[in-house]
Amino acid sequence: MDQNKYVGMWVTADGYVRHELLPNGRYDEARGDRKSAYQGRYTLTGDHIDYVDDTGFTADGDFMNGVLHHAGMVLCRVKP
């Protein structure tokens, strides 16, 4: 399993929520004009992602057909 296959920027269609998954197992989430609104670590198990932000809040999601489904949101990968 390539633990880096989902590294990169994932964005909602309106661009409001942006998840940057970093190769070191950390993430940075921006919301609207608020850069780094949430930061923390993530782990991958197959196509499932678990998040733990730096305050201890947890969330998860699933990658399906090249799309990230997370907390009722749909995020698509931004090509570099």
N, C-alpha and C. Protein backbone atom coordinates (compact mmCIF):
# COMPACT_ATOMS: atom_id res chain seq x y z
N MET A 1 0.85 -1.19 0.00
CA MET A 1 0.00 0.00 0.00
C MET A 1 0.88 1.24 0.00
N ASP A 2 0.67 2.12 -0.94
CA ASP A 2 1.41 3.37 -1.02
C ASP A 2 0.75 4.40 -0.11
N GLN A 3 1.35 4.65 1.04
CA GLN A 3 0.78 5.58 2.02
C GLN A 3 0.78 7.02 1.53
N ASN A 4 1.48 7.30 0.42
CA ASN A 4 1.51 8.67 -0.10
C ASN A 4 0.61 8.87 -1.31
N LYS A 5 -0.19 7.86 -1.67
CA LYS A 5 -0.96 8.00 -2.91
C LYS A 5 -2.03 9.08 -2.85
N TYR A 6 -2.41 9.53 -1.66
CA TYR A 6 -3.42 10.58 -1.54
C TYR A 6 -2.84 11.92 -1.12
N VAL A 7 -1.52 12.02 -1.03
CA VAL A 7 -0.87 13.27 -0.67
C VAL A 7 -1.22 14.34 -1.70
N GLY A 8 -1.49 15.54 -1.22
CA GLY A 8 -1.80 16.65 -2.10
C GLY A 8 -2.97 17.45 -1.58
N MET A 9 -3.49 18.33 -2.41
CA MET A 9 -4.57 19.24 -2.04
C MET A 9 -5.91 18.66 -2.50
N TRP A 10 -6.87 18.68 -1.57
CA TRP A 10 -8.24 18.21 -1.82
C TRP A 10 -9.18 19.37 -1.49
N VAL A 11 -10.12 19.66 -2.40
CA VAL A 11 -10.91 20.88 -2.30
C VAL A 11 -12.38 20.59 -2.59
N THR A 12 -13.28 21.27 -1.84
CA THR A 12 -14.71 21.19 -2.16
C THR A 12 -14.97 21.95 -3.45
N ALA A 13 -16.09 21.67 -4.11
CA ALA A 13 -16.41 22.29 -5.41
C ALA A 13 -16.42 23.81 -5.33
N ASP A 14 -16.86 24.36 -4.20
CA ASP A 14 -16.89 25.82 -4.06
C ASP A 14 -15.57 26.41 -3.58
N GLY A 15 -14.59 25.55 -3.30
CA GLY A 15 -13.27 26.01 -2.87
C GLY A 15 -13.20 26.47 -1.43
N TYR A 16 -14.30 26.34 -0.69
CA TYR A 16 -14.34 26.85 0.68
C TYR A 16 -13.47 26.02 1.62
N VAL A 17 -13.53 24.68 1.51
CA VAL A 17 -12.74 23.79 2.36
C VAL A 17 -11.62 23.20 1.53
N ARG A 18 -10.40 23.31 2.07
CA ARG A 18 -9.22 22.80 1.38
C ARG A 18 -8.39 21.98 2.36
N HIS A 19 -8.20 20.71 2.05
CA HIS A 19 -7.37 19.81 2.86
C HIS A 19 -6.06 19.59 2.13
N GLU A 20 -4.97 19.92 2.75
CA GLU A 20 -3.68 19.57 2.18
C GLU A 20 -3.13 18.40 2.99
N LEU A 21 -3.03 17.25 2.35
CA LEU A 21 -2.46 16.06 2.99
C LEU A 21 -0.98 16.04 2.68
N LEU A 22 -0.17 16.11 3.72
CA LEU A 22 1.28 16.20 3.57
C LEU A 22 1.92 14.82 3.65
N PRO A 23 3.07 14.63 3.02
CA PRO A 23 3.70 13.30 2.99
C PRO A 23 4.19 12.83 4.35
N ASN A 24 4.29 13.71 5.34
CA ASN A 24 4.77 13.32 6.66
C ASN A 24 3.64 12.89 7.60
N GLY A 25 2.42 12.68 7.04
CA GLY A 25 1.29 12.24 7.85
C GLY A 25 0.57 13.36 8.56
N ARG A 26 0.86 14.59 8.19
CA ARG A 26 0.19 15.76 8.76
C ARG A 26 -0.77 16.32 7.72
N TYR A 27 -1.75 17.09 8.18
CA TYR A 27 -2.65 17.78 7.26
C TYR A 27 -2.84 19.21 7.72
N ASP A 28 -3.24 20.04 6.79
CA ASP A 28 -3.54 21.45 7.05
C ASP A 28 -4.85 21.74 6.34
N GLU A 29 -5.87 22.13 7.10
CA GLU A 29 -7.18 22.42 6.51
C GLU A 29 -7.46 23.91 6.57
N ALA A 30 -7.79 24.47 5.42
CA ALA A 30 -8.19 25.87 5.32
C ALA A 30 -9.69 25.93 5.10
N ARG A 31 -10.31 26.98 5.64
CA ARG A 31 -11.75 27.20 5.45
C ARG A 31 -11.97 28.65 5.09
N GLY A 32 -12.49 28.88 3.90
CA GLY A 32 -12.70 30.25 3.45
C GLY A 32 -11.38 31.01 3.43
N ASP A 33 -11.37 32.18 4.06
CA ASP A 33 -10.16 33.00 4.14
C ASP A 33 -9.24 32.57 5.27
N ARG A 34 -9.67 31.59 6.04
CA ARG A 34 -8.92 31.17 7.23
C ARG A 34 -7.94 30.04 6.88
N LYS A 35 -6.71 30.41 6.58
CA LYS A 35 -5.67 29.42 6.29
C LYS A 35 -5.31 28.72 7.60
N SER A 36 -5.03 27.43 7.51
CA SER A 36 -4.65 26.64 8.68
C SER A 36 -5.71 26.71 9.79
N ALA A 37 -6.98 26.60 9.38
CA ALA A 37 -8.06 26.60 10.37
C ALA A 37 -7.94 25.40 11.29
N TYR A 38 -7.51 24.27 10.73
CA TYR A 38 -7.29 23.04 11.50
C TYR A 38 -6.03 22.38 11.01
N GLN A 39 -5.26 21.86 11.93
CA GLN A 39 -4.06 21.13 11.59
C GLN A 39 -3.98 19.90 12.48
N GLY A 40 -3.33 18.86 11.99
CA GLY A 40 -3.18 17.66 12.78
C GLY A 40 -2.51 16.56 11.98
N ARG A 41 -2.80 15.33 12.39
CA ARG A 41 -2.19 14.19 11.70
C ARG A 41 -3.29 13.32 11.10
N TYR A 42 -2.89 12.52 10.15
CA TYR A 42 -3.83 11.57 9.54
C TYR A 42 -3.15 10.24 9.35
N THR A 43 -3.96 9.20 9.30
CA THR A 43 -3.48 7.87 8.97
C THR A 43 -4.40 7.28 7.92
N LEU A 44 -3.82 6.47 7.06
CA LEU A 44 -4.57 5.80 6.00
C LEU A 44 -4.60 4.31 6.26
N THR A 45 -5.76 3.73 6.06
CA THR A 45 -5.92 2.28 6.06
C THR A 45 -6.66 1.95 4.78
N GLY A 46 -5.92 1.51 3.78
CA GLY A 46 -6.53 1.33 2.46
C GLY A 46 -7.01 2.66 1.94
N ASP A 47 -8.31 2.75 1.66
CA ASP A 47 -8.90 3.99 1.14
C ASP A 47 -9.65 4.77 2.22
N HIS A 48 -9.40 4.44 3.47
CA HIS A 48 -10.03 5.12 4.61
C HIS A 48 -9.00 6.04 5.27
N ILE A 49 -9.43 7.24 5.64
CA ILE A 49 -8.55 8.20 6.30
C ILE A 49 -9.13 8.55 7.67
N ASP A 50 -8.25 8.57 8.68
CA ASP A 50 -8.61 9.01 10.02
C ASP A 50 -7.80 10.25 10.34
N TYR A 51 -8.50 11.28 10.83
CA TYR A 51 -7.86 12.54 11.20
C TYR A 51 -7.88 12.70 12.71
N VAL A 52 -6.82 13.27 13.27
CA VAL A 52 -6.80 13.73 14.66
C VAL A 52 -6.17 15.12 14.62
N ASP A 53 -6.99 16.15 14.93
CA ASP A 53 -6.41 17.49 14.88
C ASP A 53 -5.61 17.75 16.15
N ASP A 54 -4.88 18.84 16.16
CA ASP A 54 -3.96 19.12 17.26
C ASP A 54 -4.66 19.38 18.59
N THR A 55 -5.98 19.56 18.57
CA THR A 55 -6.73 19.73 19.82
C THR A 55 -7.28 18.39 20.32
N GLY A 56 -7.14 17.33 19.50
CA GLY A 56 -7.63 16.01 19.87
C GLY A 56 -8.93 15.62 19.20
N PHE A 57 -9.56 16.53 18.45
CA PHE A 57 -10.80 16.23 17.72
C PHE A 57 -10.50 15.19 16.65
N THR A 58 -11.41 14.23 16.48
CA THR A 58 -11.21 13.19 15.47
C THR A 58 -12.31 13.24 14.41
N ALA A 59 -11.95 12.80 13.22
CA ALA A 59 -12.88 12.70 12.10
C ALA A 59 -12.33 11.65 11.15
N ASP A 60 -13.14 11.26 10.18
CA ASP A 60 -12.65 10.29 9.21
C ASP A 60 -13.31 10.52 7.87
N GLY A 61 -12.89 9.74 6.89
CA GLY A 61 -13.44 9.85 5.56
C GLY A 61 -13.00 8.66 4.72
N ASP A 62 -13.50 8.63 3.50
CA ASP A 62 -13.18 7.56 2.57
C ASP A 62 -12.93 8.12 1.19
N PHE A 63 -11.93 7.56 0.53
CA PHE A 63 -11.64 7.88 -0.86
C PHE A 63 -12.39 6.87 -1.72
N MET A 64 -13.25 7.38 -2.61
CA MET A 64 -14.02 6.52 -3.51
C MET A 64 -13.98 7.11 -4.91
N ASN A 65 -13.48 6.34 -5.84
CA ASN A 65 -13.42 6.77 -7.25
C ASN A 65 -12.74 8.12 -7.41
N GLY A 66 -11.63 8.31 -6.69
CA GLY A 66 -10.85 9.53 -6.83
C GLY A 66 -11.41 10.74 -6.13
N VAL A 67 -12.38 10.53 -5.24
CA VAL A 67 -13.02 11.62 -4.51
C VAL A 67 -12.94 11.31 -3.02
N LEU A 68 -12.70 12.34 -2.20
CA LEU A 68 -12.66 12.19 -0.76
C LEU A 68 -14.02 12.58 -0.18
N HIS A 69 -14.64 11.64 0.52
CA HIS A 69 -15.90 11.88 1.22
C HIS A 69 -15.57 12.02 2.69
N HIS A 70 -15.80 13.22 3.24
CA HIS A 70 -15.39 13.52 4.61
C HIS A 70 -16.41 14.43 5.28
N ALA A 71 -17.00 13.97 6.37
CA ALA A 71 -17.90 14.78 7.20
C ALA A 71 -19.02 15.43 6.37
N GLY A 72 -19.60 14.67 5.47
CA GLY A 72 -20.68 15.19 4.64
C GLY A 72 -20.23 16.05 3.48
N MET A 73 -18.92 16.20 3.32
CA MET A 73 -18.38 16.99 2.22
C MET A 73 -17.78 16.07 1.16
N VAL A 74 -17.68 16.58 -0.04
CA VAL A 74 -17.04 15.88 -1.14
C VAL A 74 -15.89 16.78 -1.61
N LEU A 75 -14.68 16.21 -1.57
CA LEU A 75 -13.49 16.97 -1.95
C LEU A 75 -12.80 16.28 -3.12
N CYS A 76 -12.39 17.06 -4.10
CA CYS A 76 -11.70 16.53 -5.27
C CYS A 76 -10.24 16.97 -5.21
N ARG A 77 -9.40 16.15 -5.77
CA ARG A 77 -7.96 16.44 -5.77
C ARG A 77 -7.64 17.55 -6.76
N VAL A 78 -6.77 18.45 -6.33
CA VAL A 78 -6.27 19.50 -7.21
C VAL A 78 -4.96 19.02 -7.80
N LYS A 79 -4.87 19.00 -9.09
CA LYS A 79 -3.63 18.58 -9.76
C LYS A 79 -2.58 19.67 -9.59
N PRO A 80 -1.34 19.26 -9.23
CA PRO A 80 -0.28 20.28 -9.06
C PRO A 80 0.11 20.92 -10.37
